[in-house]
């Protein structure tokens, strides 16, 4: 992969984005993060959604957070000041509801799309900052606003979680149009690694038709295996962990492990 480098210590940055909600994006970030840790990688998760679902899912109450991604983006706080350690060996830059105001605060700034990238590239010699990690995973908000543009500008790789149904299918096309603009103007090194099918029901003919169509329509790889629909995903956030520890042998956990191994092989 021809990604830019700012030194040997730069982590690989993966963004998971889809402006449609309810596609298991946050679940995918938490689960892939845990799978990467199982594979021996040092992993930092960044919650870039004002709803703070990833923060909550990892057992952290957003109301108790003192320094979050909001302070990093709007006040220039170092990433290291916001990092919290979570179960399963992942670290997190949490979000809070304050992030909802960040879009308006960033809009008047010159170079507003580069704020997150600058924060992640800063402190190349800081053992507590981004340089301490092999992989940074960004959980984007379900929109195509300034926050998501920041994620796409900072990322080396984009993965698009997509529930296998037609409305989500349409959202992928809109997102990829935005990605093409980002590649042309802001981040020519951004690579679309693939679409990650989620909430998958292999018994449905409609699901099979959507998955067969989406890769061909957009010329983007469809990652395999698809992530199955299971109640185990809904149970995991209640205990602040991913499905990889709450239901280790489940089909969902195994699917994320397989996807993580294949993604690492391409980085």
Protein backbone atom coordinates (compact mmCIF):
# COMPACT_ATOMS: atom_id res chain seq x y z
CA UNK A 1 0.00 0.00 0.00
CA UNK A 2 1.46 3.36 -1.03
CA UNK A 3 0.61 5.33 2.08
CA UNK A 4 2.65 8.39 3.08
CA UNK A 5 5.02 8.18 6.01
CA UNK A 6 6.21 10.72 8.53
CA UNK A 7 8.74 8.34 10.04
CA UNK A 8 8.98 4.68 10.94
CA UNK A 9 6.65 5.07 13.91
CA UNK A 10 3.54 6.18 12.05
CA UNK A 11 0.51 3.92 12.67
CA UNK A 12 -1.81 2.76 9.93
CA UNK A 13 -5.06 4.72 10.17
CA UNK A 14 -8.34 3.01 9.24
CA UNK A 15 -11.65 4.86 9.09
CA UNK A 16 -14.99 3.06 9.20
CA UNK A 17 -17.64 5.28 7.68
CA UNK A 18 -21.17 5.16 6.36
CA UNK A 19 -23.52 8.12 6.63
CA UNK A 20 -26.43 5.72 7.11
CA UNK A 21 -26.94 4.75 10.74
CA UNK A 22 -27.75 1.28 11.99
CA UNK A 23 -25.15 -0.57 9.89
CA UNK A 24 -23.09 -1.94 12.82
CA UNK A 25 -20.31 0.57 12.29
CA UNK A 26 -19.52 1.02 15.97
CA UNK A 27 -19.78 -2.72 16.58
CA UNK A 28 -17.32 -3.25 13.74
CA UNK A 29 -14.81 -0.77 15.15
CA UNK A 30 -14.91 -2.36 18.61
CA UNK A 31 -14.77 -5.91 17.26
CA UNK A 32 -12.02 -5.32 14.71
CA UNK A 33 -10.03 -3.45 17.34
CA UNK A 34 -10.24 -6.41 19.72
CA UNK A 35 -9.36 -8.81 16.89
CA UNK A 36 -6.29 -6.77 15.96
CA UNK A 37 -5.16 -6.92 19.60
CA UNK A 38 -5.57 -10.70 19.55
CA UNK A 39 -3.28 -10.68 16.52
CA UNK A 40 -0.60 -8.84 18.48
CA UNK A 41 -1.18 -5.27 17.31
CA UNK A 42 -1.25 -2.16 19.50
CA UNK A 43 -4.60 -0.52 18.79
CA UNK A 44 -6.05 2.94 19.39
CA UNK A 45 -9.76 3.56 18.76
CA UNK A 46 -11.04 7.09 18.09
CA UNK A 47 -14.72 7.83 18.74
CA UNK A 48 -15.61 10.57 16.26
CA UNK A 49 -19.37 10.40 16.83
CA UNK A 50 -21.11 12.89 19.18
CA UNK A 51 -23.47 10.10 20.22
CA UNK A 52 -20.42 8.45 21.89
CA UNK A 53 -21.74 4.94 21.22
CA UNK A 54 -18.24 3.49 20.94
CA UNK A 55 -17.23 5.12 24.22
CA UNK A 56 -20.25 3.67 25.98
CA UNK A 57 -19.78 0.28 24.33
CA UNK A 58 -16.29 0.02 25.79
CA UNK A 59 -17.54 0.55 29.33
CA UNK A 60 -16.85 4.27 29.71
CA UNK A 61 -19.53 6.75 30.78
CA UNK A 62 -19.16 9.76 28.45
CA UNK A 63 -20.42 12.04 31.25
CA UNK A 64 -17.30 11.23 33.30
CA UNK A 65 -14.79 11.95 30.53
CA UNK A 66 -12.54 14.94 31.23
CA UNK A 67 -10.60 15.16 27.94
CA UNK A 68 -12.17 13.85 24.75
CA UNK A 69 -11.77 14.07 20.99
CA UNK A 70 -13.70 17.34 21.23
CA UNK A 71 -10.83 19.02 23.11
CA UNK A 72 -8.32 17.51 20.66
CA UNK A 73 -10.10 18.97 17.64
CA UNK A 74 -11.26 22.33 18.98
CA UNK A 75 -8.67 23.23 21.62
CA UNK A 76 -5.52 21.54 20.33
CA UNK A 77 -5.21 19.11 23.26
CA UNK A 78 -2.67 16.34 22.54
CA UNK A 79 -4.19 12.99 21.64
CA UNK A 80 -2.22 11.42 24.50
CA UNK A 81 -4.11 13.56 27.04
CA UNK A 82 -7.41 11.99 25.97
CA UNK A 83 -6.38 8.32 25.75
CA UNK A 84 -8.14 5.88 28.10
CA UNK A 85 -7.29 2.19 28.55
CA UNK A 86 -10.13 -0.27 28.05
CA UNK A 87 -10.69 -3.97 28.49
CA UNK A 88 -9.44 -6.36 25.81
CA UNK A 89 -6.23 -4.37 25.44
CA UNK A 90 -7.49 -1.52 23.27
CA UNK A 91 -7.04 2.17 24.05
CA UNK A 92 -9.66 4.79 23.27
CA UNK A 93 -9.92 8.48 22.53
CA UNK A 94 -13.48 8.95 23.82
CA UNK A 95 -16.27 11.18 22.61
CA UNK A 96 -18.85 13.25 24.46
CA UNK A 97 -21.97 15.16 23.46
CA UNK A 98 -19.79 18.29 23.29
CA UNK A 99 -18.53 17.01 19.95
CA UNK A 100 -21.91 17.95 18.46
CA UNK A 101 -20.73 21.57 18.49
CA UNK A 102 -17.37 20.84 16.89
CA UNK A 103 -18.67 21.08 13.32
CA UNK A 104 -19.72 24.70 13.82
CA UNK A 105 -16.46 25.52 15.64
CA UNK A 106 -14.33 24.02 12.87
CA UNK A 107 -16.22 25.49 9.92
CA UNK A 108 -14.55 28.95 9.96
CA UNK A 109 -11.05 27.49 10.32
CA UNK A 110 -8.66 27.39 7.39
CA UNK A 111 -7.65 23.80 6.73
CA UNK A 112 -10.47 22.52 8.93
CA UNK A 113 -10.41 19.10 7.22
CA UNK A 114 -6.82 18.50 8.38
CA UNK A 115 -7.25 19.00 12.13
CA UNK A 116 -7.52 15.30 13.02
CA UNK A 117 -4.68 14.33 10.72
CA UNK A 118 -2.44 16.93 12.32
CA UNK A 119 -3.35 15.62 15.79
CA UNK A 120 -2.60 12.01 14.80
CA UNK A 121 0.70 12.96 13.17
CA UNK A 122 1.83 15.08 16.09
CA UNK A 123 4.25 13.83 18.71
CA UNK A 124 6.12 11.31 16.56
CA UNK A 125 8.50 10.72 19.49
CA UNK A 126 5.76 10.63 22.14
CA UNK A 127 5.49 7.10 23.50
CA UNK A 128 2.01 7.89 24.86
CA UNK A 129 0.72 9.40 21.62
CA UNK A 130 -0.29 7.93 18.24
CA UNK A 131 3.28 6.72 17.63
CA UNK A 132 2.75 4.13 20.38
CA UNK A 133 0.25 2.23 18.21
CA UNK A 134 0.33 0.03 15.14
CA UNK A 135 -3.26 0.73 14.11
CA UNK A 136 -5.68 3.60 14.69
CA UNK A 137 -9.36 2.84 14.03
CA UNK A 138 -11.76 5.77 13.62
CA UNK A 139 -15.49 5.38 14.26
CA UNK A 140 -17.12 8.10 12.14
CA UNK A 141 -20.39 9.85 12.79
CA UNK A 142 -23.33 8.86 10.53
CA UNK A 143 -23.02 11.93 8.30
CA UNK A 144 -20.82 13.42 5.60
CA UNK A 145 -19.98 16.58 7.56
CA UNK A 146 -16.71 18.11 8.69
CA UNK A 147 -16.00 15.37 11.24
CA UNK A 148 -16.24 12.59 8.67
CA UNK A 149 -14.17 14.63 6.21
CA UNK A 150 -11.52 14.91 8.94
CA UNK A 151 -11.51 11.13 9.29
CA UNK A 152 -11.21 10.56 5.55
CA UNK A 153 -8.43 13.13 5.28
CA UNK A 154 -6.49 11.48 8.11
CA UNK A 155 -7.01 7.87 7.02
CA UNK A 156 -4.84 5.59 4.96
CA UNK A 157 -7.65 3.09 4.49
CA UNK A 158 -11.46 3.21 4.44
CA UNK A 159 -13.76 0.31 5.27
CA UNK A 160 -17.48 0.81 4.60
CA UNK A 161 -19.78 -1.27 6.85
CA UNK A 162 -23.01 -1.92 5.00
CA UNK A 163 -26.10 -3.80 6.05
CA UNK A 164 -27.19 -5.92 3.14
CA UNK A 165 -30.36 -4.08 2.15
CA UNK A 166 -31.17 -1.62 -0.60
CA UNK A 167 -31.30 1.66 1.35
CA UNK A 168 -27.84 1.02 2.79
CA UNK A 169 -26.72 0.13 -0.73
CA UNK A 170 -27.72 3.63 -1.93
CA UNK A 171 -25.82 5.26 0.92
CA UNK A 172 -22.61 3.55 -0.19
CA UNK A 173 -22.80 5.29 -3.55
CA UNK A 174 -23.16 8.70 -1.90
CA UNK A 175 -20.24 7.99 0.42
CA UNK A 176 -17.98 6.84 -2.42
CA UNK A 177 -18.74 10.05 -4.34
CA UNK A 178 -17.48 11.98 -1.32
CA UNK A 179 -14.44 9.72 -1.05
CA UNK A 180 -13.57 10.46 -4.68
CA UNK A 181 -13.60 14.20 -3.89
CA UNK A 182 -11.43 13.63 -0.82
CA UNK A 183 -8.93 11.61 -2.86
CA UNK A 184 -8.79 14.34 -5.49
CA UNK A 185 -8.53 17.35 -3.17
CA UNK A 186 -7.55 16.41 0.38
CA UNK A 187 -5.99 12.95 0.62
CA UNK A 188 -4.77 11.31 -2.59
CA UNK A 189 -3.36 8.37 -0.60
CA UNK A 190 -6.74 7.25 0.78
CA UNK A 191 -7.55 3.69 -0.30
CA UNK A 192 -11.00 2.09 -0.16
CA UNK A 193 -10.17 -1.35 1.20
CA UNK A 194 -13.69 -2.64 0.77
CA UNK A 195 -17.32 -2.90 1.83
CA UNK A 196 -17.94 -4.94 4.98
CA UNK A 197 -21.36 -6.64 4.85
CA UNK A 198 -23.01 -6.62 8.27
CA UNK A 199 -26.31 -7.82 9.75
CA UNK A 200 -26.10 -10.61 7.20
CA UNK A 201 -28.79 -13.23 6.77
CA UNK A 202 -27.58 -15.76 4.24
CA UNK A 203 -31.05 -17.27 3.94
CA UNK A 204 -32.41 -14.12 2.29
CA UNK A 205 -32.43 -13.95 -1.48
CA UNK A 206 -32.58 -10.15 -1.27
CA UNK A 207 -29.37 -10.07 0.81
CA UNK A 208 -27.55 -12.26 -1.70
CA UNK A 209 -28.70 -10.07 -4.59
CA UNK A 210 -27.61 -6.84 -2.88
CA UNK A 211 -24.14 -8.20 -2.10
CA UNK A 212 -23.70 -9.51 -5.63
CA UNK A 213 -24.68 -6.13 -7.05
CA UNK A 214 -22.81 -3.73 -4.77
CA UNK A 215 -19.26 -4.80 -5.61
CA UNK A 216 -19.93 -4.78 -9.33
CA UNK A 217 -21.83 -1.49 -9.27
CA UNK A 218 -19.15 0.48 -7.43
CA UNK A 219 -16.00 -1.41 -8.38
CA UNK A 220 -15.11 -1.92 -4.71
CA UNK A 221 -14.11 -5.23 -3.07
CA UNK A 222 -16.65 -6.86 -0.77
CA UNK A 223 -14.86 -8.15 2.33
CA UNK A 224 -15.38 -11.74 3.35
CA UNK A 225 -16.83 -13.32 5.41
CA UNK A 226 -19.97 -11.21 5.91
CA UNK A 227 -20.81 -10.47 9.55
CA UNK A 228 -23.90 -12.46 10.56
CA UNK A 229 -26.91 -10.99 12.31
CA UNK A 230 -26.97 -12.17 15.96
CA UNK A 231 -28.35 -10.98 19.29
CA UNK A 232 -24.84 -11.46 20.74
CA UNK A 233 -23.82 -8.08 19.30
CA UNK A 234 -26.54 -6.28 21.25
CA UNK A 235 -25.50 -7.98 24.49
CA UNK A 236 -21.81 -7.06 24.39
CA UNK A 237 -22.00 -3.25 25.03
CA UNK A 238 -23.95 -3.86 28.25
CA UNK A 239 -20.75 -5.20 29.84
CA UNK A 240 -18.36 -2.80 28.10
CA UNK A 241 -16.72 -5.38 25.88
CA UNK A 242 -16.82 -6.65 22.31
CA UNK A 243 -18.36 -9.89 21.13
CA UNK A 244 -14.86 -11.37 20.92
CA UNK A 245 -14.83 -11.72 24.71
CA UNK A 246 -18.54 -11.96 25.55
CA UNK A 247 -19.23 -14.70 22.99
CA UNK A 248 -15.79 -15.85 21.93
CA UNK A 249 -16.87 -18.88 19.89
CA UNK A 250 -19.89 -17.30 18.23
CA UNK A 251 -20.12 -17.00 14.46
CA UNK A 252 -20.04 -13.21 14.77
CA UNK A 253 -16.80 -13.21 16.74
CA UNK A 254 -15.19 -15.64 14.34
CA UNK A 255 -16.27 -13.57 11.34
CA UNK A 256 -14.61 -10.44 12.73
CA UNK A 257 -11.43 -12.42 13.47
CA UNK A 258 -11.31 -13.62 9.87
CA UNK A 259 -11.93 -10.15 8.47
CA UNK A 260 -9.26 -8.65 10.74
CA UNK A 261 -6.66 -11.17 9.60
CA UNK A 262 -7.45 -10.48 5.95
CA UNK A 263 -7.33 -6.72 6.48
CA UNK A 264 -3.93 -6.96 8.18
CA UNK A 265 -2.61 -8.96 5.24
CA UNK A 266 -3.45 -6.02 2.96
CA UNK A 267 -1.94 -3.24 5.08
